[in-house]
Amino acid sequence: MLANMRARLIDRKRIGFPNGCKAEYVIWQVPEPVPGSDHLYKYRFYYGPPGERWIGYDNERGKGDHRHIDDQEEAYVFRGLDQLVDDFWDEVARRSSARTDDDHKD
């Protein structure tokens, strides 16, 4: 039955921050796992200023679940949509806090 299903939008958010950064994500339920992943979701998360990605989570075809922190890419263990969203926002909070602290140092 799922094989006949089309991709279905699960959630989409876009938020602007006072520091000029934006966070956005989109999550789709797909009929078959994206090659490299073993679940039925396709997702893309982004945080950073215009033209720069400080944080990213996605499951690009062939690469599977992974995340980007600045210029580093590493595998990400997918443990469900709620955990994925929590992990992204936790990383954004850490990064926002670190940037704010750095901006106030002499």
PDB file of N, CA and C in Angstrom:
ATOM      1  N   MET A   1       0.812  -1.196   0.000  1.00  0.00           N
ATOM      2  CA  MET A   1       0.000   0.000   0.000  1.00  0.00           C
ATOM      3  C   MET A   1       0.855   1.259   0.000  1.00  0.00           C
ATOM      4  N   LEU A   2       1.915   1.283   0.817  1.00  0.00           N
ATOM      5  CA  LEU A   2       2.767   2.468   0.870  1.00  0.00           C
ATOM      6  C   LEU A   2       3.454   2.758  -0.458  1.00  0.00           C
ATOM      7  N   ALA A   3       3.771   1.723  -1.215  1.00  0.00           N
ATOM      8  CA  ALA A   3       4.468   1.925  -2.490  1.00  0.00           C
ATOM      9  C   ALA A   3       3.642   2.781  -3.449  1.00  0.00           C
ATOM     10  N   ASN A   4       2.308   2.748  -3.325  1.00  0.00           N
ATOM     11  CA  ASN A   4       1.446   3.559  -4.175  1.00  0.00           C
ATOM     12  C   ASN A   4       1.229   4.971  -3.629  1.00  0.00           C
ATOM     13  N   MET A   5       1.688   5.197  -2.425  1.00  0.00           N
ATOM     14  CA  MET A   5       1.513   6.493  -1.774  1.00  0.00           C
ATOM     15  C   MET A   5       2.506   7.517  -2.341  1.00  0.00           C
ATOM     16  N   ARG A   6       2.073   8.757  -2.407  1.00  0.00           N
ATOM     17  CA  ARG A   6       2.971   9.840  -2.793  1.00  0.00           C
ATOM     18  C   ARG A   6       3.591  10.403  -1.522  1.00  0.00           C
ATOM     19  N   ALA A   7       4.656  11.169  -1.669  1.00  0.00           N
ATOM     20  CA  ALA A   7       5.260  11.822  -0.508  1.00  0.00           C
ATOM     21  C   ALA A   7       4.223  12.740   0.137  1.00  0.00           C
ATOM     22  N   ARG A   8       4.230  12.773   1.466  1.00  0.00           N
ATOM     23  CA  ARG A   8       3.272  13.583   2.219  1.00  0.00           C
ATOM     24  C   ARG A   8       4.036  14.498   3.173  1.00  0.00           C
ATOM     25  N   LEU A   9       3.757  15.783   3.097  1.00  0.00           N
ATOM     26  CA  LEU A   9       4.399  16.748   3.981  1.00  0.00           C
ATOM     27  C   LEU A   9       3.960  16.498   5.413  1.00  0.00           C
ATOM     28  N   ILE A  10       4.934  16.331   6.313  1.00  0.00           N
ATOM     29  CA  ILE A  10       4.664  16.110   7.729  1.00  0.00           C
ATOM     30  C   ILE A  10       4.758  17.431   8.487  1.00  0.00           C
ATOM     31  N   ASP A  11       5.829  18.194   8.238  1.00  0.00           N
ATOM     32  CA  ASP A  11       6.030  19.447   8.968  1.00  0.00           C
ATOM     33  C   ASP A  11       6.987  20.341   8.189  1.00  0.00           C
ATOM     34  N   ARG A  12       6.756  21.628   8.314  1.00  0.00           N
ATOM     35  CA  ARG A  12       7.644  22.622   7.688  1.00  0.00           C
ATOM     36  C   ARG A  12       7.646  23.842   8.595  1.00  0.00           C
ATOM     37  N   LYS A  13       8.849  24.325   8.931  1.00  0.00           N
ATOM     38  CA  LYS A  13       8.977  25.514   9.781  1.00  0.00           C
ATOM     39  C   LYS A  13      10.072  26.406   9.214  1.00  0.00           C
ATOM     40  N   ARG A  14       9.877  27.714   9.407  1.00  0.00           N
ATOM     41  CA  ARG A  14      10.903  28.703   9.045  1.00  0.00           C
ATOM     42  C   ARG A  14      10.840  29.797  10.107  1.00  0.00           C
ATOM     43  N   ILE A  15      11.971  30.050  10.749  1.00  0.00           N
ATOM     44  CA  ILE A  15      12.032  31.029  11.833  1.00  0.00           C
ATOM     45  C   ILE A  15      13.236  31.934  11.622  1.00  0.00           C
ATOM     46  N   GLY A  16      13.018  33.238  11.730  1.00  0.00           N
ATOM     47  CA  GLY A  16      14.112  34.199  11.685  1.00  0.00           C
ATOM     48  C   GLY A  16      14.517  34.592  13.095  1.00  0.00           C
ATOM     49  N   PHE A  17      15.801  34.832  13.297  1.00  0.00           N
ATOM     50  CA  PHE A  17      16.336  35.203  14.604  1.00  0.00           C
ATOM     51  C   PHE A  17      16.859  36.630  14.558  1.00  0.00           C
ATOM     52  N   PRO A  18      16.872  37.313  15.703  1.00  0.00           N
ATOM     53  CA  PRO A  18      17.368  38.695  15.745  1.00  0.00           C
ATOM     54  C   PRO A  18      18.814  38.852  15.265  1.00  0.00           C
ATOM     55  N   ASN A  19      19.611  37.792  15.357  1.00  0.00           N
ATOM     56  CA  ASN A  19      21.008  37.860  14.927  1.00  0.00           C
ATOM     57  C   ASN A  19      21.163  37.732  13.409  1.00  0.00           C
ATOM     58  N   GLY A  20      20.045  37.666  12.685  1.00  0.00           N
ATOM     59  CA  GLY A  20      20.085  37.554  11.231  1.00  0.00           C
ATOM     60  C   GLY A  20      20.086  36.126  10.723  1.00  0.00           C
ATOM     61  N   CYS A  21      20.243  35.164  11.620  1.00  0.00           N
ATOM     62  CA  CYS A  21      20.211  33.761  11.220  1.00  0.00           C
ATOM     63  C   CYS A  21      18.779  33.313  10.991  1.00  0.00           C
ATOM     64  N   LYS A  22      18.651  32.208  10.285  1.00  0.00           N
ATOM     65  CA  LYS A  22      17.342  31.601  10.124  1.00  0.00           C
ATOM     66  C   LYS A  22      17.465  30.101  10.357  1.00  0.00           C
ATOM     67  N   ALA A  23      16.380  29.532  10.819  1.00  0.00           N
ATOM     68  CA  ALA A  23      16.271  28.080  10.972  1.00  0.00           C
ATOM     69  C   ALA A  23      15.087  27.656  10.145  1.00  0.00           C
ATOM     70  N   GLU A  24      15.270  26.593   9.427  1.00  0.00           N
ATOM     71  CA  GLU A  24      14.143  26.062   8.668  1.00  0.00           C
ATOM     72  C   GLU A  24      14.302  24.562   8.528  1.00  0.00           C
ATOM     73  N   TYR A  25      13.164  23.904   8.445  1.00  0.00           N
ATOM     74  CA  TYR A  25      13.213  22.477   8.172  1.00  0.00           C
ATOM     75  C   TYR A  25      11.944  22.040   7.467  1.00  0.00           C
ATOM     76  N   VAL A  26      12.085  20.913   6.797  1.00  0.00           N
ATOM     77  CA  VAL A  26      10.961  20.284   6.123  1.00  0.00           C
ATOM     78  C   VAL A  26      11.106  18.773   6.294  1.00  0.00           C
ATOM     79  N   ILE A  27       9.988  18.113   6.593  1.00  0.00           N
ATOM     80  CA  ILE A  27       9.972  16.658   6.787  1.00  0.00           C
ATOM     81  C   ILE A  27       8.845  16.087   5.937  1.00  0.00           C
ATOM     82  N   TRP A  28       9.193  15.079   5.155  1.00  0.00           N
ATOM     83  CA  TRP A  28       8.225  14.393   4.307  1.00  0.00           C
ATOM     84  C   TRP A  28       8.153  12.928   4.716  1.00  0.00           C
ATOM     85  N   GLN A  29       6.970  12.346   4.639  1.00  0.00           N
ATOM     86  CA  GLN A  29       6.847  10.897   4.716  1.00  0.00           C
ATOM     87  C   GLN A  29       6.878  10.402   3.279  1.00  0.00           C
ATOM     88  N   VAL A  30       7.709   9.428   3.014  1.00  0.00           N
ATOM     89  CA  VAL A  30       7.892   8.918   1.652  1.00  0.00           C
ATOM     90  C   VAL A  30       7.466   7.447   1.593  1.00  0.00           C
ATOM     91  N   PRO A  31       7.122   6.959   0.411  1.00  0.00           N
ATOM     92  CA  PRO A  31       6.630   5.584   0.301  1.00  0.00           C
ATOM     93  C   PRO A  31       7.698   4.523   0.524  1.00  0.00           C
ATOM     94  N   GLU A  32       8.964   4.869   0.282  1.00  0.00           N
ATOM     95  CA  GLU A  32      10.076   3.939   0.470  1.00  0.00           C
ATOM     96  C   GLU A  32      11.218   4.689   1.126  1.00  0.00           C
ATOM     97  N   PRO A  33      12.052   3.995   1.900  1.00  0.00           N
ATOM     98  CA  PRO A  33      13.192   4.683   2.498  1.00  0.00           C
ATOM     99  C   PRO A  33      14.088   5.320   1.432  1.00  0.00           C
ATOM    100  N   VAL A  34      14.625   6.475   1.754  1.00  0.00           N
ATOM    101  CA  VAL A  34      15.628   7.117   0.908  1.00  0.00           C
ATOM    102  C   VAL A  34      16.867   6.214   0.948  1.00  0.00           C
ATOM    103  N   PRO A  35      17.483   5.884  -0.188  1.00  0.00           N
ATOM    104  CA  PRO A  35      18.670   5.025  -0.160  1.00  0.00           C
ATOM    105  C   PRO A  35      19.708   5.531   0.846  1.00  0.00           C
ATOM    106  N   GLY A  36      20.103   4.630   1.751  1.00  0.00           N
ATOM    107  CA  GLY A  36      21.035   4.971   2.810  1.00  0.00           C
ATOM    108  C   GLY A  36      20.342   5.138   4.155  1.00  0.00           C
ATOM    109  N   SER A  37      19.025   5.241   4.153  1.00  0.00           N
ATOM    110  CA  SER A  37      18.233   5.345   5.387  1.00  0.00           C
ATOM    111  C   SER A  37      17.323   4.131   5.482  1.00  0.00           C
ATOM    112  N   ASP A  38      16.847   3.843   6.699  1.00  0.00           N
ATOM    113  CA  ASP A  38      15.961   2.684   6.850  1.00  0.00           C
ATOM    114  C   ASP A  38      14.595   3.055   7.426  1.00  0.00           C
ATOM    115  N   HIS A  39      14.177   4.305   7.239  1.00  0.00           N
ATOM    116  CA  HIS A  39      12.883   4.779   7.719  1.00  0.00           C
ATOM    117  C   HIS A  39      12.160   5.478   6.570  1.00  0.00           C
ATOM    118  N   LEU A  40      10.916   5.811   6.772  1.00  0.00           N
ATOM    119  CA  LEU A  40      10.078   6.359   5.698  1.00  0.00           C
ATOM    120  C   LEU A  40       9.962   7.884   5.757  1.00  0.00           C
ATOM    121  N   TYR A  41      11.076   8.560   6.019  1.00  0.00           N
ATOM    122  CA  TYR A  41      11.078  10.025   6.077  1.00  0.00           C
ATOM    123  C   TYR A  41      12.224  10.595   5.260  1.00  0.00           C
ATOM    124  N   LYS A  42      11.949  11.693   4.638  1.00  0.00           N
ATOM    125  CA  LYS A  42      12.959  12.502   3.946  1.00  0.00           C
ATOM    126  C   LYS A  42      12.936  13.848   4.651  1.00  0.00           C
ATOM    127  N   TYR A  43      14.102  14.343   5.060  1.00  0.00           N
ATOM    128  CA  TYR A  43      14.126  15.573   5.831  1.00  0.00           C
ATOM    129  C   TYR A  43      15.341  16.425   5.486  1.00  0.00           C
ATOM    130  N   ARG A  44      15.191  17.717   5.800  1.00  0.00           N
ATOM    131  CA  ARG A  44      16.273  18.689   5.597  1.00  0.00           C
ATOM    132  C   ARG A  44      16.110  19.777   6.640  1.00  0.00           C
ATOM    133  N   PHE A  45      17.146  19.981   7.447  1.00  0.00           N
ATOM    134  CA  PHE A  45      17.158  21.006   8.491  1.00  0.00           C
ATOM    135  C   PHE A  45      18.340  21.939   8.243  1.00  0.00           C
ATOM    136  N   TYR A  46      18.144  23.212   8.531  1.00  0.00           N
ATOM    137  CA  TYR A  46      19.176  24.223   8.274  1.00  0.00           C
ATOM    138  C   TYR A  46      19.127  25.309   9.346  1.00  0.00           C
ATOM    139  N   TYR A  47      20.310  25.758   9.778  1.00  0.00           N
ATOM    140  CA  TYR A  47      20.417  26.934  10.642  1.00  0.00           C
ATOM    141  C   TYR A  47      21.690  27.678  10.278  1.00  0.00           C
ATOM    142  N   GLY A  48      21.585  28.992  10.132  1.00  0.00           N
ATOM    143  CA  GLY A  48      22.746  29.827   9.870  1.00  0.00           C
ATOM    144  C   GLY A  48      22.338  31.165   9.298  1.00  0.00           C
ATOM    145  N   PRO A  49      23.333  32.026   9.066  1.00  0.00           N
ATOM    146  CA  PRO A  49      23.059  33.318   8.440  1.00  0.00           C
ATOM    147  C   PRO A  49      22.886  33.128   6.934  1.00  0.00           C
ATOM    148  N   PRO A  50      22.382  34.134   6.231  1.00  0.00           N
ATOM    149  CA  PRO A  50      22.219  34.019   4.779  1.00  0.00           C
ATOM    150  C   PRO A  50      23.519  33.584   4.092  1.00  0.00           C
ATOM    151  N   GLY A  51      23.425  32.554   3.268  1.00  0.00           N
ATOM    152  CA  GLY A  51      24.572  32.091   2.492  1.00  0.00           C
ATOM    153  C   GLY A  51      25.546  31.203   3.239  1.00  0.00           C
ATOM    154  N   GLU A  52      25.253  30.867   4.505  1.00  0.00           N
ATOM    155  CA  GLU A  52      26.145  30.037   5.313  1.00  0.00           C
ATOM    156  C   GLU A  52      25.332  29.002   6.069  1.00  0.00           C
ATOM    157  N   ARG A  53      25.801  27.772   6.125  1.00  0.00           N
ATOM    158  CA  ARG A  53      25.132  26.742   6.919  1.00  0.00           C
ATOM    159  C   ARG A  53      26.005  26.441   8.130  1.00  0.00           C
ATOM    160  N   TRP A  54      25.510  26.769   9.318  1.00  0.00           N
ATOM    161  CA  TRP A  54      26.226  26.424  10.540  1.00  0.00           C
ATOM    162  C   TRP A  54      25.823  25.045  11.020  1.00  0.00           C
ATOM    163  N   ILE A  55      24.539  24.707  10.858  1.00  0.00           N
ATOM    164  CA  ILE A  55      24.015  23.420  11.304  1.00  0.00           C
ATOM    165  C   ILE A  55      23.081  22.887  10.222  1.00  0.00           C
ATOM    166  N   GLY A  56      23.212  21.621   9.919  1.00  0.00           N
ATOM    167  CA  GLY A  56      22.308  20.994   8.972  1.00  0.00           C
ATOM    168  C   GLY A  56      22.129  19.526   9.309  1.00  0.00           C
ATOM    169  N   TYR A  57      20.927  19.044   9.139  1.00  0.00           N
ATOM    170  CA  TYR A  57      20.620  17.620   9.285  1.00  0.00           C
ATOM    171  C   TYR A  57      19.861  17.232   8.028  1.00  0.00           C
ATOM    172  N   ASP A  58      20.243  16.116   7.421  1.00  0.00           N
ATOM    173  CA  ASP A  58      19.487  15.644   6.265  1.00  0.00           C
ATOM    174  C   ASP A  58      19.784  14.181   6.003  1.00  0.00           C
ATOM    175  N   ASN A  59      19.019  13.613   5.088  1.00  0.00           N
ATOM    176  CA  ASN A  59      19.270  12.234   4.678  1.00  0.00           C
ATOM    177  C   ASN A  59      19.294  12.186   3.152  1.00  0.00           C
ATOM    178  N   GLU A  60      20.319  12.791   2.647  1.00  0.00           N
ATOM    179  CA  GLU A  60      20.534  12.854   1.201  1.00  0.00           C
ATOM    180  C   GLU A  60      20.648  11.450   0.621  1.00  0.00           C
ATOM    181  N   ARG A  61      20.078  11.291  -0.547  1.00  0.00           N
ATOM    182  CA  ARG A  61      20.105  10.006  -1.257  1.00  0.00           C
ATOM    183  C   ARG A  61      21.541   9.477  -1.331  1.00  0.00           C
ATOM    184  N   GLY A  62      21.733   8.237  -0.886  1.00  0.00           N
ATOM    185  CA  GLY A  62      23.038   7.592  -0.944  1.00  0.00           C
ATOM    186  C   GLY A  62      23.921   7.855   0.269  1.00  0.00           C
ATOM    187  N   LYS A  63      23.692   8.956   0.970  1.00  0.00           N
ATOM    188  CA  LYS A  63      24.488   9.264   2.157  1.00  0.00           C
ATOM    189  C   LYS A  63      23.787   8.815   3.434  1.00  0.00           C
ATOM    190  N   GLY A  64      22.488   8.701   3.388  1.00  0.00           N
ATOM    191  CA  GLY A  64      21.737   8.342   4.584  1.00  0.00           C
ATOM    192  C   GLY A  64      21.677   9.486   5.576  1.00  0.00           C
ATOM    193  N   ASP A  65      21.326   9.155   6.796  1.00  0.00           N
ATOM    194  CA  ASP A  65      21.152  10.154   7.842  1.00  0.00           C
ATOM    195  C   ASP A  65      22.509  10.716   8.268  1.00  0.00           C
ATOM    196  N   HIS A  66      22.624  12.032   8.231  1.00  0.00           N
ATOM    197  CA  HIS A  66      23.867  12.674   8.658  1.00  0.00           C
ATOM    198  C   HIS A  66      23.589  14.115   9.059  1.00  0.00           C
ATOM    199  N   ARG A  67      24.589  14.738   9.655  1.00  0.00           N
ATOM    200  CA  ARG A  67      24.444  16.135  10.040  1.00  0.00           C
ATOM    201  C   ARG A  67      25.712  16.893   9.686  1.00  0.00           C
ATOM    202  N   HIS A  68      25.548  18.186   9.566  1.00  0.00           N
ATOM    203  CA  HIS A  68      26.641  19.092   9.257  1.00  0.00           C
ATOM    204  C   HIS A  68      26.762  20.074  10.419  1.00  0.00           C
ATOM    205  N   ILE A  69      27.948  20.203  10.956  1.00  0.00           N
ATOM    206  CA  ILE A  69      28.244  21.231  11.948  1.00  0.00           C
ATOM    207  C   ILE A  69      29.405  22.021  11.357  1.00  0.00           C
ATOM    208  N   ASP A  70      29.105  23.253  10.942  1.00  0.00           N
ATOM    209  CA  ASP A  70      30.061  24.058  10.172  1.00  0.00           C
ATOM    210  C   ASP A  70      30.518  23.246   8.965  1.00  0.00           C
ATOM    211  N   ASP A  71      31.803  23.040   8.817  1.00  0.00           N
ATOM    212  CA  ASP A  71      32.322  22.323   7.653  1.00  0.00           C
ATOM    213  C   ASP A  71      32.483  20.823   7.887  1.00  0.00           C
ATOM    214  N   GLN A  72      32.091  20.349   9.062  1.00  0.00           N
ATOM    215  CA  GLN A  72      32.212  18.931   9.393  1.00  0.00           C
ATOM    216  C   GLN A  72      30.917  18.196   9.062  1.00  0.00           C
ATOM    217  N   GLU A  73      31.046  17.022   8.490  1.00  0.00           N
ATOM    218  CA  GLU A  73      29.895  16.156   8.230  1.00  0.00           C
ATOM    219  C   GLU A  73      30.102  14.860   8.983  1.00  0.00           C
ATOM    220  N   GLU A  74      29.056  14.395   9.661  1.00  0.00           N
ATOM    221  CA  GLU A  74      29.165  13.152  10.414  1.00  0.00           C
ATOM    222  C   GLU A  74      27.845  12.390  10.352  1.00  0.00           C
ATOM    223  N   ALA A  75      27.927  11.083  10.554  1.00  0.00           N
ATOM    224  CA  ALA A  75      26.728  10.248  10.558  1.00  0.00           C
ATOM    225  C   ALA A  75      25.810  10.676  11.697  1.00  0.00           C
ATOM    226  N   TYR A  76      24.518  10.531  11.481  1.00  0.00           N
ATOM    227  CA  TYR A  76      23.518  10.822  12.506  1.00  0.00           C
ATOM    228  C   TYR A  76      22.663   9.570  12.677  1.00  0.00           C
ATOM    229  N   VAL A  77      22.443   9.166  13.921  1.00  0.00           N
ATOM    230  CA  VAL A  77      21.608   8.005  14.208  1.00  0.00           C
ATOM    231  C   VAL A  77      20.169   8.484  14.352  1.00  0.00           C
ATOM    232  N   PHE A  78      19.329   8.129  13.393  1.00  0.00           N
ATOM    233  CA  PHE A  78      17.922   8.511  13.397  1.00  0.00           C
ATOM    234  C   PHE A  78      17.181   7.665  14.417  1.00  0.00           C
ATOM    235  N   ARG A  79      16.528   8.326  15.399  1.00  0.00           N
ATOM    236  CA  ARG A  79      15.787   7.627  16.455  1.00  0.00           C
ATOM    237  C   ARG A  79      14.346   8.111  16.519  1.00  0.00           C
ATOM    238  N   GLY A  80      13.821   8.566  15.401  1.00  0.00           N
ATOM    239  CA  GLY A  80      12.442   9.028  15.346  1.00  0.00           C
ATOM    240  C   GLY A  80      12.368  10.526  15.089  1.00  0.00           C
ATOM    241  N   LEU A  81      11.201  10.954  14.608  1.00  0.00           N
ATOM    242  CA  LEU A  81      11.033  12.369  14.241  1.00  0.00           C
ATOM    243  C   LEU A  81      11.130  13.308  15.433  1.00  0.00           C
ATOM    244  N   ASP A  82      10.516  12.947  16.551  1.00  0.00           N
ATOM    245  CA  ASP A  82      10.576  13.830  17.720  1.00  0.00           C
ATOM    246  C   ASP A  82      12.022  14.045  18.157  1.00  0.00           C
ATOM    247  N   GLN A  83      12.804  12.971  18.188  1.00  0.00           N
ATOM    248  CA  GLN A  83      14.201  13.089  18.597  1.00  0.00           C
ATOM    249  C   GLN A  83      15.004  13.904  17.591  1.00  0.00           C
ATOM    250  N   LEU A  84      14.738  13.728  16.315  1.00  0.00           N
ATOM    251  CA  LEU A  84      15.409  14.507  15.268  1.00  0.00           C
ATOM    252  C   LEU A  84      15.163  16.003  15.465  1.00  0.00           C
ATOM    253  N   VAL A  85      13.914  16.375  15.658  1.00  0.00           N
ATOM    254  CA  VAL A  85      13.574  17.789  15.865  1.00  0.00           C
ATOM    255  C   VAL A  85      14.236  18.296  17.141  1.00  0.00           C
ATOM    256  N   ASP A  86      14.179  17.515  18.223  1.00  0.00           N
ATOM    257  CA  ASP A  86      14.829  17.919  19.477  1.00  0.00           C
ATOM    258  C   ASP A  86      16.332  18.085  19.310  1.00  0.00           C
ATOM    259  N   ASP A  87      16.969  17.148  18.618  1.00  0.00           N
ATOM    260  CA  ASP A  87      18.421  17.232  18.415  1.00  0.00           C
ATOM    261  C   ASP A  87      18.789  18.487  17.634  1.00  0.00           C
ATOM    262  N   PHE A  88      18.011  18.804  16.610  1.00  0.00           N
ATOM    263  CA  PHE A  88      18.274  20.013  15.823  1.00  0.00           C
ATOM    264  C   PHE A  88      18.156  21.262  16.695  1.00  0.00           C
ATOM    265  N   TRP A  89      17.040  21.400  17.429  1.00  0.00           N
ATOM    266  CA  TRP A  89      16.846  22.603  18.248  1.00  0.00           C
ATOM    267  C   TRP A  89      17.862  22.682  19.373  1.00  0.00           C
ATOM    268  N   ASP A  90      18.273  21.531  19.933  1.00  0.00           N
ATOM    269  CA  ASP A  90      19.328  21.536  20.957  1.00  0.00           C
ATOM    270  C   ASP A  90      20.633  22.067  20.378  1.00  0.00           C
ATOM    271  N   GLU A  91      20.962  21.654  19.167  1.00  0.00           N
ATOM    272  CA  GLU A  91      22.194  22.114  18.519  1.00  0.00           C
ATOM    273  C   GLU A  91      22.100  23.603  18.196  1.00  0.00           C
ATOM    274  N   VAL A  92      20.939  24.061  17.741  1.00  0.00           N
ATOM    275  CA  VAL A  92      20.738  25.492  17.471  1.00  0.00           C
ATOM    276  C   VAL A  92      20.914  26.285  18.767  1.00  0.00           C
ATOM    277  N   ALA A  93      20.340  25.798  19.865  1.00  0.00           N
ATOM    278  CA  ALA A  93      20.466  26.498  21.152  1.00  0.00           C
ATOM    279  C   ALA A  93      21.922  26.569  21.595  1.00  0.00           C
ATOM    280  N   ARG A  94      22.657  25.453  21.446  1.00  0.00           N
ATOM    281  CA  ARG A  94      24.082  25.454  21.802  1.00  0.00           C
ATOM    282  C   ARG A  94      24.842  26.464  20.952  1.00  0.00           C
ATOM    283  N   ARG A  95      24.571  26.438  19.672  1.00  0.00           N
ATOM    284  CA  ARG A  95      25.282  27.335  18.750  1.00  0.00           C
ATOM    285  C   ARG A  95      24.922  28.789  19.008  1.00  0.00           C
ATOM    286  N   SER A  96      23.650  29.067  19.232  1.00  0.00           N
ATOM    287  CA  SER A  96      23.213  30.431  19.509  1.00  0.00           C
ATOM    288  C   SER A  96      23.833  30.948  20.790  1.00  0.00           C
ATOM    289  N   SER A  97      23.886  30.095  21.803  1.00  0.00           N
ATOM    290  CA  SER A  97      24.478  30.465  23.082  1.00  0.00           C
ATOM    291  C   SER A  97      25.976  30.710  22.928  1.00  0.00           C
ATOM    292  N   ALA A  98      26.656  29.843  22.194  1.00  0.00           N
ATOM    293  CA  ALA A  98      28.102  29.996  21.983  1.00  0.00           C
ATOM    294  C   ALA A  98      28.389  31.270  21.211  1.00  0.00           C
ATOM    295  N   ARG A  99      27.610  31.559  20.196  1.00  0.00           N
ATOM    296  CA  ARG A  99      27.805  32.776  19.403  1.00  0.00           C
ATOM    297  C   ARG A  99      27.563  34.021  20.250  1.00  0.00           C
ATOM    298  N   THR A 100      26.525  33.975  21.082  1.00  0.00           N
ATOM    299  CA  THR A 100      26.216  35.118  21.944  1.00  0.00           C
ATOM    300  C   THR A 100      27.347  35.336  22.939  1.00  0.00           C
ATOM    301  N   ASP A 101      27.838  34.242  23.545  1.00  0.00           N
ATOM    302  CA  ASP A 101      28.953  34.369  24.486  1.00  0.00           C
ATOM    303  C   ASP A 101      30.189  34.918  23.808  1.00  0.00           C
ATOM    304  N   ASP A 102      30.508  34.433  22.618  1.00  0.00           N
ATOM    305  CA  ASP A 102      31.672  34.899  21.875  1.00  0.00           C
ATOM    306  C   ASP A 102      31.538  36.389  21.520  1.00  0.00           C
ATOM    307  N   ASP A 103      30.334  36.822  21.190  1.00  0.00           N
ATOM    308  CA  ASP A 103      30.108  38.201  20.804  1.00  0.00           C
ATOM    309  C   ASP A 103      30.293  39.169  21.958  1.00  0.00           C
ATOM    310  N   HIS A 104      30.192  38.677  23.199  1.00  0.00           N
ATOM    311  CA  HIS A 104      30.301  39.549  24.358  1.00  0.00           C
ATOM    312  C   HIS A 104      31.645  39.466  25.059  1.00  0.00           C
ATOM    313  N   LYS A 105      32.592  38.713  24.519  1.00  0.00           N
ATOM    314  CA  LYS A 105      33.931  38.619  25.118  1.00  0.00           C
ATOM    315  C   LYS A 105      34.767  39.792  24.655  1.00  0.00           C
ATOM    316  N   ASP A 106      35.665  40.218  25.533  1.00  0.00           N
ATOM    317  CA  ASP A 106      36.596  41.313  25.179  1.00  0.00           C
ATOM    318  C   ASP A 106      37.829  40.790  24.515  1.00  0.00           C
TER     319      ASP A 106
END
